[in-house]
Amino acid sequence: SDTFLCSRIVYCAVKYLMYLTSVTSAKIQVNGVHLHYQQTGQGDHAVLLLPGMLGCSQTDFGPQLKSLNKQLFTIIAWDPRGYGRSIPPPRDFPPDFFERDAKDAVDLMQALTFKKFSMLGWSDGGITALIAAAKYPSLIHKLVVWGANSSVTKEDIKLYNAIRDVSKWSEKVRKPMEEMYGHEYFARTCEAWVDGISQFAEKSGNICEHLLPYIVCPTLIIHGGKDPLVPQFHPEYLHKSIQGARLLVIPEGKHNLHLRFAEEFNTEVEKFLAEA
């Protein structure tokens, strides 16, 4: 009957929608570490989300995993080694930790059989994405970074030392981290991160400035006009140094603009990724 047919169509449509929107969670061995990732969407265009310091797929990318277009994109959010559910190993910060993350990220996507993909990198994840785009240009389709920097200045070190003690963080930011890690691991790793990022300033300040001319993919740099952790000269330097890059400033945005202004962020990113 027509009623039966209609109900079957509705049922199939709902099942398909659930298939499109479901988020799966898994681990895969890459470079001797079991890396955790979340995946959603069925689109032809693969997109890797790279989290910030101490961040992971669960804490850093809720609105993107939920709302980015799942018919156009297949979205993967990963937990770098020592973060999120990619523990063990405990997180450490050798001089090449960004390069190590970049290789892990690219090798993860290859292990998941995504031959070519785009990257959305926030903060430390943005630095990792810049390095990956420069070192593995044939694998990267497009690049979006925000809250990222290619060098560390004395001004930056002051900002980082101000967040060294996690007990001084706002409860809103601190709570999800403590739920993920427990207070001790969170506090210890944050201190280790400040020391790890400071080692660049002790040398020349350069993290990946020398690599920026090798980025050839279309690049969108987004900056929050009120970002308390990343002064505006950093995105301006990236804009000047990456051939053909675009700079978008969200005036009221802070460091977590992709969470606070998720709708505007997702719209801009989808538009950029979907361009021919």
Protein backbone atom coordinates (compact mmCIF):
# COMPACT_ATOMS: atom_id res chain seq x y z
CA SER A 1 0.00 0.00 0.00
CA ASP A 2 0.97 3.67 -0.36
CA THR A 3 1.21 4.04 3.41
CA PHE A 4 3.60 1.10 3.65
CA LEU A 5 5.68 2.45 0.76
CA CYS A 6 5.86 5.91 2.32
CA SER A 7 6.89 4.51 5.68
CA ARG A 8 9.64 2.43 3.98
CA ILE A 9 10.94 5.52 2.18
CA VAL A 10 10.97 7.53 5.42
CA TYR A 11 12.69 4.65 7.24
CA CYS A 12 15.37 4.37 4.54
CA ALA A 13 15.89 8.14 4.52
CA VAL A 14 16.33 8.21 8.30
CA LYS A 15 18.76 5.27 8.16
CA TYR A 16 20.77 7.01 5.45
CA LEU A 17 20.83 10.24 7.46
CA MET A 18 22.06 8.32 10.51
CA TYR A 19 24.73 6.68 8.33
CA LEU A 20 25.81 10.09 7.05
CA THR A 21 25.90 11.78 10.45
CA SER A 22 27.20 9.00 12.70
CA VAL A 23 30.66 9.49 14.22
CA THR A 24 32.82 6.38 14.51
CA SER A 25 35.77 6.09 16.87
CA ALA A 26 38.75 3.77 16.36
CA LYS A 27 42.50 3.27 16.82
CA ILE A 28 45.12 2.37 14.25
CA GLN A 29 48.83 1.65 14.64
CA VAL A 30 51.03 4.31 13.05
CA ASN A 31 54.79 4.72 13.59
CA GLY A 32 54.71 2.37 16.60
CA VAL A 33 51.83 4.17 18.36
CA HIS A 34 48.12 3.36 18.52
CA LEU A 35 46.55 6.63 17.33
CA HIS A 36 42.91 7.35 18.13
CA TYR A 37 40.69 9.13 15.63
CA GLN A 38 37.03 9.93 15.01
CA GLN A 39 35.47 9.82 11.55
CA THR A 40 32.21 11.06 10.08
CA GLY A 41 30.72 11.87 6.66
CA GLN A 42 30.78 10.12 3.31
CA GLY A 43 32.06 12.83 0.96
CA ASP A 44 34.82 12.44 -1.62
CA HIS A 45 36.86 15.25 -0.06
CA ALA A 46 38.80 13.99 3.00
CA VAL A 47 39.53 16.56 5.71
CA LEU A 48 41.81 16.05 8.72
CA LEU A 49 41.19 18.13 11.88
CA LEU A 50 44.35 18.76 13.94
CA PRO A 51 43.83 19.82 17.59
CA GLY A 52 45.73 22.29 19.74
CA MET A 53 47.99 21.84 22.76
CA LEU A 54 46.63 19.03 24.98
CA GLY A 55 43.62 18.87 22.69
CA CYS A 56 41.98 15.94 20.97
CA SER A 57 39.05 15.16 18.69
CA GLN A 58 36.63 15.06 21.62
CA THR A 59 37.62 18.35 23.30
CA ASP A 60 38.49 20.50 20.28
CA PHE A 61 36.15 19.84 17.35
CA GLY A 62 32.59 19.11 18.52
CA PRO A 63 30.84 21.65 16.22
CA GLN A 64 32.94 20.58 13.22
CA LEU A 65 32.33 16.84 13.67
CA LYS A 66 28.64 17.60 14.11
CA SER A 67 27.95 20.22 11.46
CA LEU A 68 30.47 20.26 8.58
CA ASN A 69 28.83 19.04 5.37
CA LYS A 70 28.92 15.24 5.51
CA GLN A 71 27.84 14.72 1.92
CA LEU A 72 30.76 16.76 0.57
CA PHE A 73 33.39 15.76 3.14
CA THR A 74 34.73 12.77 5.02
CA ILE A 75 35.99 14.31 8.28
CA ILE A 76 38.69 12.74 10.44
CA ALA A 77 39.74 14.25 13.77
CA TRP A 78 42.82 12.72 15.37
CA ASP A 79 44.43 12.62 18.81
CA PRO A 80 48.21 13.18 18.45
CA ARG A 81 50.45 10.82 20.40
CA GLY A 82 50.26 11.45 24.15
CA TYR A 83 46.99 13.40 23.82
CA GLY A 84 43.36 12.34 24.20
CA ARG A 85 42.98 8.62 23.72
CA SER A 86 46.34 8.20 21.96
CA ILE A 87 47.93 7.37 25.35
CA PRO A 88 50.25 5.52 25.82
CA PRO A 89 52.80 6.91 25.17
CA PRO A 90 52.82 9.87 27.58
CA ARG A 91 53.26 13.16 25.75
CA ASP A 92 56.79 14.54 25.43
CA PHE A 93 58.31 17.52 23.63
CA PRO A 94 61.64 16.74 21.94
CA PRO A 95 63.01 19.47 19.63
CA ASP A 96 61.28 17.89 16.61
CA PHE A 97 57.86 17.29 18.21
CA PHE A 98 56.01 19.28 15.54
CA GLU A 99 57.73 17.37 12.72
CA ARG A 100 56.92 14.11 14.50
CA ASP A 101 53.23 15.10 14.75
CA ALA A 102 53.23 16.10 11.06
CA LYS A 103 54.61 12.71 10.01
CA ASP A 104 52.16 10.88 12.30
CA ALA A 105 49.23 12.86 10.87
CA VAL A 106 50.16 12.21 7.24
CA ASP A 107 50.94 8.54 7.90
CA LEU A 108 47.61 8.15 9.72
CA MET A 109 45.72 9.43 6.66
CA GLN A 110 47.71 7.15 4.36
CA ALA A 111 46.99 4.19 6.68
CA LEU A 112 43.28 5.07 6.41
CA THR A 113 43.78 5.02 2.58
CA PHE A 114 43.12 8.72 2.01
CA LYS A 115 45.61 9.40 -0.77
CA LYS A 116 45.08 13.18 -0.76
CA PHE A 117 43.35 15.31 1.87
CA SER A 118 42.83 18.80 3.25
CA MET A 119 43.82 19.93 6.75
CA LEU A 120 42.14 22.15 9.34
CA GLY A 121 44.73 22.95 12.02
CA TRP A 122 44.10 24.86 15.23
CA SER A 123 46.92 26.39 17.32
CA ASP A 124 49.64 23.70 17.67
CA GLY A 125 47.64 21.68 15.15
CA GLY A 126 47.97 24.62 12.77
CA ILE A 127 51.75 24.55 13.14
CA THR A 128 51.71 20.79 12.52
CA ALA A 129 49.53 21.35 9.43
CA LEU A 130 51.89 24.04 8.05
CA ILE A 131 54.82 21.64 8.37
CA ALA A 132 52.88 18.76 6.79
CA ALA A 133 51.76 20.95 3.85
CA ALA A 134 55.37 22.04 3.23
CA LYS A 135 56.95 18.59 3.59
CA TYR A 136 54.31 16.48 1.84
CA PRO A 137 52.93 18.85 -0.84
CA SER A 138 51.68 16.10 -3.18
CA LEU A 139 49.35 14.75 -0.46
CA ILE A 140 47.69 17.99 0.65
CA HIS A 141 44.69 19.37 -1.19
CA LYS A 142 43.92 22.55 0.84
CA LEU A 143 44.99 24.06 4.15
CA VAL A 144 43.13 26.07 6.80
CA VAL A 145 44.96 27.25 9.94
CA TRP A 146 43.95 29.49 12.84
CA GLY A 147 45.62 30.41 16.13
CA ALA A 148 48.94 29.27 14.61
CA ASN A 149 52.42 30.77 14.48
CA SER A 150 55.63 29.90 12.63
CA SER A 151 57.98 31.41 15.23
CA VAL A 152 58.21 32.07 18.97
CA THR A 153 59.10 35.56 20.23
CA LYS A 154 59.89 36.90 23.70
CA GLU A 155 56.35 38.32 23.77
CA ASP A 156 54.96 34.82 23.07
CA ILE A 157 57.01 33.30 25.90
CA LYS A 158 55.39 35.73 28.37
CA LEU A 159 51.92 34.69 27.12
CA TYR A 160 52.80 30.98 27.43
CA ASN A 161 54.21 31.32 30.94
CA ALA A 162 50.94 32.99 31.98
CA ILE A 163 49.10 29.70 31.24
CA ARG A 164 51.76 27.37 32.71
CA ASP A 165 49.82 26.93 35.96
CA VAL A 166 46.55 25.23 34.99
CA SER A 167 44.93 26.08 38.34
CA LYS A 168 44.75 29.67 37.00
CA TRP A 169 42.78 28.61 33.90
CA SER A 170 39.06 29.38 33.79
CA GLU A 171 36.96 26.44 34.95
CA LYS A 172 35.17 26.33 31.58
CA VAL A 173 38.44 25.61 29.74
CA ARG A 174 40.04 23.54 32.51
CA LYS A 175 37.16 21.16 33.26
CA PRO A 176 37.03 19.19 29.97
CA MET A 177 40.82 18.79 30.12
CA GLU A 178 40.72 17.47 33.70
CA GLU A 179 37.90 15.10 32.75
CA MET A 180 39.99 13.81 29.84
CA TYR A 181 43.36 13.50 31.60
CA GLY A 182 42.97 13.78 35.36
CA HIS A 183 44.48 16.81 37.08
CA GLU A 184 48.05 15.51 37.47
CA TYR A 185 48.69 14.49 33.84
CA PHE A 186 47.01 17.68 32.60
CA ALA A 187 49.07 19.95 34.89
CA ARG A 188 52.36 18.13 34.22
CA THR A 189 51.87 18.07 30.44
CA CYS A 190 50.93 21.75 30.27
CA GLU A 191 54.16 22.67 32.09
CA ALA A 192 56.12 20.38 29.75
CA TRP A 193 54.47 22.05 26.75
CA VAL A 194 55.53 25.53 27.91
CA ASP A 195 59.11 24.25 28.23
CA GLY A 196 58.82 22.47 24.87
CA ILE A 197 57.59 25.51 22.93
CA SER A 198 60.07 27.80 24.74
CA GLN A 199 63.03 25.83 23.38
CA PHE A 200 62.43 27.46 19.96
CA ALA A 201 62.88 30.95 21.43
CA GLU A 202 66.12 29.84 23.08
CA LYS A 203 67.53 29.20 19.59
CA SER A 204 66.45 31.53 16.77
CA GLY A 205 62.72 31.63 17.48
CA ASN A 206 62.03 29.79 14.23
CA ILE A 207 59.57 26.87 14.29
CA CYS A 208 58.74 26.51 10.61
CA GLU A 209 59.33 29.91 8.95
CA HIS A 210 61.88 28.28 6.62
CA LEU A 211 59.22 25.85 5.36
CA LEU A 212 56.48 28.37 4.48
CA PRO A 213 57.77 29.04 0.90
CA TYR A 214 57.32 25.32 0.18
CA ILE A 215 53.55 25.40 0.85
CA VAL A 216 51.90 25.31 -2.57
CA CYS A 217 48.31 24.28 -1.77
CA PRO A 218 45.49 26.85 -1.49
CA THR A 219 45.70 28.21 2.06
CA LEU A 220 43.22 30.07 4.26
CA ILE A 221 44.52 31.71 7.45
CA ILE A 222 41.83 32.69 9.97
CA HIS A 223 42.56 34.98 12.91
CA GLY A 224 40.52 36.04 15.90
CA GLY A 225 40.90 39.79 16.36
CA LYS A 226 40.83 39.29 20.15
CA ASP A 227 43.05 36.19 20.36
CA PRO A 228 44.92 36.61 23.68
CA LEU A 229 47.52 33.92 22.81
CA VAL A 230 48.45 34.76 19.21
CA PRO A 231 49.29 38.40 18.38
CA GLN A 232 48.19 39.57 14.93
CA PHE A 233 51.74 39.74 13.51
CA HIS A 234 51.78 35.92 13.39
CA PRO A 235 48.87 35.44 10.94
CA GLU A 236 50.10 38.46 8.97
CA TYR A 237 53.53 36.84 8.62
CA LEU A 238 51.93 33.56 7.44
CA HIS A 239 49.80 35.50 4.95
CA LYS A 240 52.86 37.28 3.55
CA SER A 241 55.03 34.15 3.43
CA ILE A 242 52.68 31.54 1.92
CA GLN A 243 52.16 32.05 -1.79
CA GLY A 244 48.56 32.93 -2.65
CA ALA A 245 47.32 32.60 0.95
CA ARG A 246 44.18 34.40 2.09
CA LEU A 247 43.68 35.99 5.50
CA LEU A 248 40.27 36.20 7.16
CA VAL A 249 39.96 38.12 10.45
CA ILE A 250 36.95 37.48 12.69
CA PRO A 251 37.01 40.72 14.75
CA GLU A 252 35.32 39.35 17.90
CA GLY A 253 37.05 35.95 17.69
CA LYS A 254 39.41 34.77 20.41
CA HIS A 255 41.72 31.73 20.33
CA ASN A 256 38.80 29.26 20.15
CA LEU A 257 36.90 31.10 17.42
CA HIS A 258 35.90 27.80 15.72
CA LEU A 259 33.93 26.89 18.86
CA ARG A 260 32.63 30.32 19.84
CA PHE A 261 31.69 31.31 16.26
CA ALA A 262 31.21 27.77 14.95
CA GLU A 263 28.52 28.60 12.38
CA GLU A 264 30.47 31.42 10.73
CA PHE A 265 33.69 29.39 10.88
CA ASN A 266 32.12 26.27 9.36
CA THR A 267 30.47 28.30 6.58
CA GLU A 268 33.74 30.03 5.61
CA VAL A 269 35.70 26.78 5.71
CA GLU A 270 33.12 24.83 3.66
CA LYS A 271 33.07 27.60 1.06
CA PHE A 272 36.88 27.57 0.81
CA LEU A 273 37.18 23.77 0.65
CA ALA A 274 34.39 23.44 -1.95
CA GLU A 275 35.90 26.00 -4.38
CA ALA A 276 37.24 24.52 -7.60
